Amino acid sequence: MEGADLDCDPPQAIKQRRVPDYSDRHRLYPEVSDLRGDERVNLRQLQYLVAIVDEGSFTRAAERLLVAQPSLSQQIKSLERELGGQLLERLPTGVRLTAAGKALMPDARLAVRHAAQAARSARSAFGLEAGELEVATVTSVAFGVLPPAFELWRTRHPATTLVLREYQHRRALEDAVRTGAGDIAVGPRPAQWRGPVVGLGWEEFLAVIPRSDPLADRRRPPALEELADRDWVLFGPDHGLTELVLEVCARSGFVPRRAVQTGQVLAAAHLAAAGFGVTLLPSNIVPHELNANSRRLKSPVVRQLVAFARQDWSPNAQAFLKVLQAQTWQDRPRAATVAR
């Protein structure tokens, strides 16, 4: 019939379509192979990788995660095999990220934090009788401000679990909350924050002075500039209190002369009292036994503490905010020097 061959293929053509050649399918359809590889990368592997990087070793990460080290190593090897290369360089003193590992880490951290946030949000939807409250904060606030609030929270919601995330610098805290850490954060007021922020109160800083210093026996509060010629106990460059101390000292016209550097706020108080130099610390973390060595400044140094979140308050966050607001907070003193 005329035109019939337009609707049919010759037998040879039919045979070629029915028996395609898949020997080179990776070249023809690379996206299928890539998707299959990505699907085998699981959240647990990313959690393990983040823990190893944070702890600096497989041994400490295994202890933190409560898993056997061989199992941890096997998961990382599997992850490296799936991604096609080494992510961690094993060193005698610990581990170091390779270039590929550095490229992966931001997204790995984001995935782990978002998964944790999703779990917390789901638990919050079931109410406060169970579940987990994650509080993010800076180290000094964790010591000096939050324990009484945690005690009240435990009384009101005994079935919940508390997780505390501590950061040495306020900017590290803000960055972590932006990427999903914490149901609620407590710390200095963040700059240019898009989420909810609620003021709580003011935190005053005291000068801790060596017992041998003449100012230790003087009743009149010292001015900060009177401490310009003293040695100082300071914190490391990555510690948030370093920036605060340098800022308020600069306003008084001097740069503090470092005698000792430490990363621990309680150690700084004891080192100052022992004669290594003066230091500035939040009043709520100065040990009671060092009250005789602490002096309020003539122009009190203060900073505001707030509660904040990445987005709208979750039920757990709202409940903890009420606990925070029930605490006793200091008002801003008159003629105070406000630090960030």
Protein backbone atom coordinates (compact mmCIF):
# COMPACT_ATOMS: atom_id res chain seq x y z
CA MET A 1 0.00 0.00 0.00
CA GLU A 2 1.28 3.41 -0.91
CA GLY A 3 2.59 5.30 2.12
CA ALA A 4 2.47 2.26 4.45
CA ASP A 5 6.22 2.32 4.94
CA LEU A 6 5.91 5.77 6.62
CA ASP A 7 4.34 4.19 9.75
CA CYS A 8 6.75 1.29 10.06
CA ASP A 9 10.45 0.88 10.54
CA PRO A 10 12.43 -1.68 8.64
CA PRO A 11 13.17 -4.87 10.62
CA GLN A 12 16.77 -3.85 11.15
CA ALA A 13 15.77 -0.50 12.67
CA ILE A 14 13.30 -2.19 15.00
CA LYS A 15 15.99 -4.57 16.19
CA GLN A 16 18.39 -1.72 16.92
CA ARG A 17 15.86 0.14 19.14
CA ARG A 18 14.79 -2.94 21.04
CA VAL A 19 18.36 -3.90 21.92
CA PRO A 20 20.10 -0.61 22.84
CA ASP A 21 23.76 -0.55 23.78
CA TYR A 22 24.08 0.38 27.51
CA SER A 23 27.80 -0.28 27.71
CA ASP A 24 28.51 3.47 27.64
CA ARG A 25 25.54 4.65 29.74
CA HIS A 26 27.74 6.73 32.08
CA ARG A 27 28.83 8.85 29.13
CA LEU A 28 25.31 9.10 27.71
CA TYR A 29 23.50 9.70 31.03
CA PRO A 30 26.06 11.06 33.55
CA GLU A 31 23.35 12.69 35.66
CA VAL A 32 21.89 9.28 36.59
CA SER A 33 25.20 8.05 37.89
CA ASP A 34 25.77 11.27 39.85
CA LEU A 35 22.33 11.13 41.46
CA ARG A 36 22.79 7.55 42.51
CA GLY A 37 26.12 8.42 44.11
CA ASP A 38 24.67 11.41 46.00
CA GLU A 39 21.76 9.37 47.32
CA ARG A 40 24.16 7.07 49.14
CA VAL A 41 25.65 9.97 51.14
CA ASN A 42 23.64 9.89 54.35
CA LEU A 43 23.17 12.25 57.27
CA ARG A 44 25.00 10.02 59.71
CA GLN A 45 28.17 10.20 57.60
CA LEU A 46 27.97 13.99 57.56
CA GLN A 47 27.38 14.06 61.33
CA TYR A 48 30.45 11.90 61.85
CA LEU A 49 32.57 14.09 59.56
CA VAL A 50 31.54 17.27 61.38
CA ALA A 51 32.29 15.68 64.77
CA ILE A 52 35.76 14.58 63.65
CA VAL A 53 36.62 18.05 62.36
CA ASP A 54 35.28 19.73 65.52
CA GLU A 55 37.13 17.38 67.86
CA GLY A 56 40.31 17.23 65.79
CA SER A 57 40.66 13.46 66.01
CA PHE A 58 38.81 10.19 65.36
CA THR A 59 39.28 9.07 68.97
CA ARG A 60 37.67 12.12 70.57
CA ALA A 61 34.89 12.16 67.97
CA ALA A 62 34.09 8.50 68.70
CA GLU A 63 33.92 9.29 72.43
CA ARG A 64 31.61 12.24 71.81
CA LEU A 65 29.33 10.27 69.48
CA LEU A 66 29.38 7.13 71.68
CA VAL A 67 30.35 4.91 68.77
CA ALA A 68 33.23 2.51 68.22
CA GLN A 69 36.18 4.08 66.42
CA PRO A 70 36.37 1.35 63.72
CA SER A 71 32.71 2.03 62.88
CA LEU A 72 33.41 5.77 62.68
CA SER A 73 36.40 5.20 60.39
CA GLN A 74 34.38 2.88 58.18
CA GLN A 75 31.64 5.48 57.71
CA ILE A 76 34.17 8.14 56.69
CA LYS A 77 35.87 5.74 54.25
CA SER A 78 32.47 4.97 52.75
CA LEU A 79 31.72 8.68 52.40
CA GLU A 80 35.08 9.30 50.73
CA ARG A 81 34.48 6.38 48.38
CA GLU A 82 31.07 7.72 47.38
CA LEU A 83 32.39 11.23 46.74
CA GLY A 84 35.43 9.99 44.88
CA GLY A 85 38.31 11.28 46.96
CA GLN A 86 39.93 11.87 50.33
CA LEU A 87 38.22 14.36 52.67
CA LEU A 88 40.50 14.07 55.69
CA GLU A 89 44.26 13.86 55.91
CA ARG A 90 45.25 11.59 58.78
CA LEU A 91 48.18 13.10 60.72
CA PRO A 92 50.13 11.80 63.74
CA THR A 93 48.69 14.65 65.82
CA GLY A 94 45.11 14.56 64.50
CA VAL A 95 43.33 15.25 61.22
CA ARG A 96 43.26 18.00 58.62
CA LEU A 97 40.70 18.71 55.91
CA THR A 98 41.76 18.27 52.31
CA ALA A 99 40.66 20.80 49.69
CA ALA A 100 37.63 18.62 48.92
CA GLY A 101 36.85 18.35 52.63
CA LYS A 102 36.98 22.13 53.04
CA ALA A 103 34.60 22.52 50.11
CA LEU A 104 32.16 20.01 51.62
CA MET A 105 32.17 21.26 55.24
CA PRO A 106 29.87 24.33 54.96
CA ASP A 107 27.09 22.29 53.37
CA ALA A 108 27.74 19.35 55.71
CA ARG A 109 27.35 21.59 58.77
CA LEU A 110 24.22 23.14 57.29
CA ALA A 111 22.67 19.73 56.61
CA VAL A 112 23.40 18.50 60.15
CA ARG A 113 22.02 21.66 61.75
CA HIS A 114 18.89 21.69 59.60
CA ALA A 115 18.20 18.04 60.41
CA ALA A 116 18.56 18.77 64.13
CA GLN A 117 16.31 21.82 63.81
CA ALA A 118 13.70 19.79 61.96
CA ALA A 119 13.69 17.17 64.71
CA ARG A 120 13.36 19.84 67.41
CA SER A 121 10.50 21.51 65.55
CA ALA A 122 8.65 18.21 65.25
CA ARG A 123 9.11 17.47 68.94
CA SER A 124 7.91 20.96 69.83
CA ALA A 125 4.70 20.29 67.94
CA PHE A 126 3.97 17.46 70.38
CA GLY A 127 4.16 19.85 73.33
CA LEU A 128 6.61 20.43 76.18
CA GLU A 129 6.08 17.20 78.09
CA ALA A 130 9.00 15.65 76.20
CA GLY A 131 11.59 16.61 73.66
CA GLU A 132 14.70 18.74 73.64
CA LEU A 133 15.53 22.41 74.21
CA GLU A 134 18.75 23.63 72.60
CA VAL A 135 20.13 26.91 73.94
CA ALA A 136 23.00 28.68 72.16
CA THR A 137 25.07 31.23 74.05
CA VAL A 138 28.53 32.67 74.70
CA THR A 139 30.77 31.07 77.30
CA SER A 140 30.53 33.78 79.96
CA VAL A 141 26.72 33.80 79.84
CA ALA A 142 26.68 30.01 80.12
CA PHE A 143 28.61 30.32 83.41
CA GLY A 144 27.08 33.40 84.94
CA VAL A 145 23.51 33.79 83.69
CA LEU A 146 21.90 30.58 82.54
CA PRO A 147 22.24 28.09 85.47
CA PRO A 148 19.36 29.65 87.52
CA ALA A 149 17.20 29.73 84.39
CA PHE A 150 17.99 26.09 83.67
CA GLU A 151 17.06 25.21 87.23
CA LEU A 152 13.62 26.83 86.86
CA TRP A 153 13.14 25.23 83.44
CA ARG A 154 13.89 21.82 84.90
CA THR A 155 11.28 22.39 87.59
CA ARG A 156 8.62 23.38 85.07
CA HIS A 157 9.48 20.87 82.33
CA PRO A 158 11.25 17.90 83.96
CA ALA A 159 10.72 15.54 81.00
CA THR A 160 12.65 17.68 78.51
CA THR A 161 16.34 17.41 77.69
CA LEU A 162 18.60 20.47 77.71
CA VAL A 163 21.41 20.94 75.19
CA LEU A 164 23.81 23.87 75.65
CA ARG A 165 25.84 25.17 72.70
CA GLU A 166 28.66 27.49 73.78
CA TYR A 167 30.68 29.88 71.63
CA GLN A 168 33.65 32.02 72.64
CA HIS A 169 32.74 34.96 70.44
CA ARG A 170 29.39 36.70 69.95
CA ARG A 171 29.84 36.66 66.17
CA ALA A 172 30.42 32.91 66.21
CA LEU A 173 27.17 32.60 68.18
CA GLU A 174 25.28 34.74 65.66
CA ASP A 175 26.68 32.81 62.68
CA ALA A 176 25.71 29.49 64.28
CA VAL A 177 22.14 30.64 65.00
CA ARG A 178 21.76 31.93 61.42
CA THR A 179 22.57 28.44 60.14
CA GLY A 180 20.19 26.61 62.47
CA ALA A 181 21.89 26.17 65.86
CA GLY A 182 19.67 26.55 68.92
CA ASP A 183 15.95 26.89 69.53
CA ILE A 184 16.85 30.13 71.33
CA ALA A 185 20.05 32.13 71.81
CA VAL A 186 21.08 34.23 74.81
CA GLY A 187 23.90 36.74 74.52
CA PRO A 188 24.88 40.30 73.62
CA ARG A 189 22.46 42.10 71.29
CA PRO A 190 23.27 41.06 67.70
CA ALA A 191 23.74 43.71 65.04
CA GLN A 192 21.32 43.86 62.09
CA TRP A 193 19.34 40.80 63.19
CA ARG A 194 16.30 39.81 61.10
CA GLY A 195 14.73 37.39 63.58
CA PRO A 196 12.98 38.17 66.88
CA VAL A 197 15.03 39.85 69.64
CA VAL A 198 13.87 40.45 73.25
CA GLY A 199 15.89 42.50 75.73
CA LEU A 200 16.53 40.83 79.09
CA GLY A 201 18.79 43.08 81.15
CA TRP A 202 22.29 44.45 81.62
CA GLU A 203 25.52 42.71 82.55
CA GLU A 204 28.11 44.74 84.47
CA PHE A 205 31.86 44.16 84.28
CA LEU A 206 34.10 44.40 87.33
CA ALA A 207 37.84 44.96 87.58
CA VAL A 208 39.58 42.08 89.34
CA ILE A 209 42.69 43.53 90.96
CA PRO A 210 45.74 41.81 92.51
CA ARG A 211 45.77 41.70 96.30
CA SER A 212 49.06 43.62 96.30
CA ASP A 213 47.72 46.54 94.23
CA PRO A 214 47.11 49.79 96.20
CA LEU A 215 43.68 50.06 94.57
CA ALA A 216 42.63 46.84 96.30
CA ASP A 217 42.29 48.65 99.66
CA ARG A 218 40.73 51.82 98.33
CA ARG A 219 36.99 52.23 98.88
CA ARG A 220 36.45 54.72 96.08
CA PRO A 221 35.75 52.99 92.73
CA PRO A 222 38.71 53.32 90.35
CA ALA A 223 38.36 54.90 86.93
CA LEU A 224 39.30 52.60 84.07
CA GLU A 225 42.10 54.95 83.00
CA GLU A 226 43.76 54.42 86.40
CA LEU A 227 44.49 50.87 85.25
CA ALA A 228 46.37 52.01 82.15
CA ASP A 229 49.83 51.46 83.65
CA ARG A 230 49.03 48.01 85.07
CA ASP A 231 49.77 44.61 83.62
CA TRP A 232 46.66 42.84 82.35
CA VAL A 233 45.33 39.30 82.19
CA LEU A 234 43.76 39.12 78.72
CA PHE A 235 42.05 36.54 76.54
CA GLY A 236 43.06 35.09 73.19
CA PRO A 237 42.34 36.85 69.87
CA ASP A 238 39.34 34.59 69.13
CA HIS A 239 37.67 35.21 72.50
CA GLY A 240 34.76 37.66 72.55
CA LEU A 241 35.87 39.34 75.79
CA THR A 242 39.15 40.38 74.15
CA GLU A 243 37.31 42.66 71.76
CA LEU A 244 35.21 44.10 74.58
CA VAL A 245 38.21 44.86 76.84
CA LEU A 246 40.20 46.44 74.01
CA GLU A 247 37.20 48.55 73.02
CA VAL A 248 36.50 50.05 76.45
CA CYS A 249 40.20 50.58 77.19
CA ALA A 250 40.60 52.42 73.87
CA ARG A 251 37.76 54.72 74.87
CA SER A 252 39.75 55.53 78.03
CA GLY A 253 42.84 56.32 75.98
CA PHE A 254 45.10 53.29 76.39
CA VAL A 255 45.92 49.81 75.16
CA PRO A 256 46.11 47.22 77.98
CA ARG A 257 49.57 45.73 78.50
CA ARG A 258 49.29 41.96 78.36
CA ALA A 259 51.13 39.95 81.01
CA VAL A 260 49.18 36.69 80.75
CA GLN A 261 46.81 35.29 78.12
CA THR A 262 44.16 32.66 78.86
CA GLY A 263 41.09 31.26 77.18
CA GLN A 264 39.17 30.64 80.42
CA VAL A 265 37.16 33.33 82.20
CA LEU A 266 37.48 31.71 85.64
CA ALA A 267 41.22 31.27 85.20
CA ALA A 268 41.52 34.98 84.38
CA ALA A 269 39.88 35.92 87.69
CA HIS A 270 42.24 33.75 89.73
CA LEU A 271 45.32 34.84 87.79
CA ALA A 272 44.45 38.49 88.37
CA ALA A 273 43.87 37.99 92.09
CA ALA A 274 47.19 36.12 92.34
CA GLY A 275 49.09 39.16 91.09
CA PHE A 276 49.60 38.62 87.38
CA GLY A 277 47.64 41.76 86.42
CA VAL A 278 44.15 43.24 86.35
CA THR A 279 41.28 41.95 84.24
CA LEU A 280 37.67 42.82 83.41
CA LEU A 281 35.00 40.16 83.92
CA PRO A 282 31.20 40.01 84.10
CA SER A 283 30.18 40.40 87.75
CA ASN A 284 28.07 37.25 87.62
CA ILE A 285 31.07 34.99 87.01
CA VAL A 286 33.55 36.45 89.51
CA PRO A 287 33.97 33.71 92.18
CA HIS A 288 32.65 34.64 95.62
CA GLU A 289 36.05 34.06 97.20
CA LEU A 290 37.45 36.84 95.00
CA ASN A 291 34.87 39.47 95.94
CA ALA A 292 37.52 41.30 97.97
CA ASN A 293 39.60 41.65 94.80
CA SER A 294 36.81 42.89 92.55
CA ARG A 295 36.00 46.56 92.10
CA ARG A 296 33.13 48.29 90.38
CA LEU A 297 34.44 50.99 88.05
CA LYS A 298 33.66 54.69 88.43
CA SER A 299 31.91 54.60 85.06
CA PRO A 300 30.45 51.07 85.07
CA VAL A 301 31.16 48.98 82.00
CA VAL A 302 27.99 47.18 80.89
CA ARG A 303 26.52 45.31 77.92
CA GLN A 304 22.95 44.40 77.17
CA LEU A 305 21.90 40.75 77.10
CA VAL A 306 19.02 39.61 74.90
CA ALA A 307 17.25 36.47 73.76
CA PHE A 308 17.02 35.97 70.00
CA ALA A 309 16.15 33.36 67.40
CA ARG A 310 16.65 32.76 63.70
CA GLN A 311 12.93 32.93 62.95
CA ASP A 312 9.63 32.89 64.86
CA TRP A 313 9.78 31.49 68.40
CA SER A 314 9.06 27.76 68.63
CA PRO A 315 6.89 26.54 71.54
CA ASN A 316 10.02 25.44 73.43
CA ALA A 317 11.72 28.77 72.78
CA GLN A 318 8.66 30.71 73.94
CA ALA A 319 8.53 28.69 77.14
CA PHE A 320 12.21 29.25 77.85
CA LEU A 321 11.86 32.97 77.09
CA LYS A 322 9.26 33.17 79.88
CA VAL A 323 11.73 31.44 82.20
CA LEU A 324 14.42 33.97 81.29
CA GLN A 325 12.07 36.90 81.85
CA ALA A 326 11.23 35.51 85.30
CA GLN A 327 14.88 35.89 86.36
CA THR A 328 16.22 38.94 88.23
CA TRP A 329 18.02 41.23 85.79
CA GLN A 330 20.14 44.31 86.44
CA ASP A 331 19.01 47.67 85.10
CA ARG A 332 21.41 49.85 83.17
CA PRO A 333 23.47 51.91 85.66
CA ARG A 334 23.70 55.68 85.34
CA ALA A 335 26.71 57.10 83.49
CA ALA A 336 27.59 53.63 82.24
CA THR A 337 30.02 52.78 79.45
CA VAL A 338 28.07 50.54 77.11
CA ALA A 339 30.15 47.82 75.43
CA ARG A 340 29.10 45.44 72.69
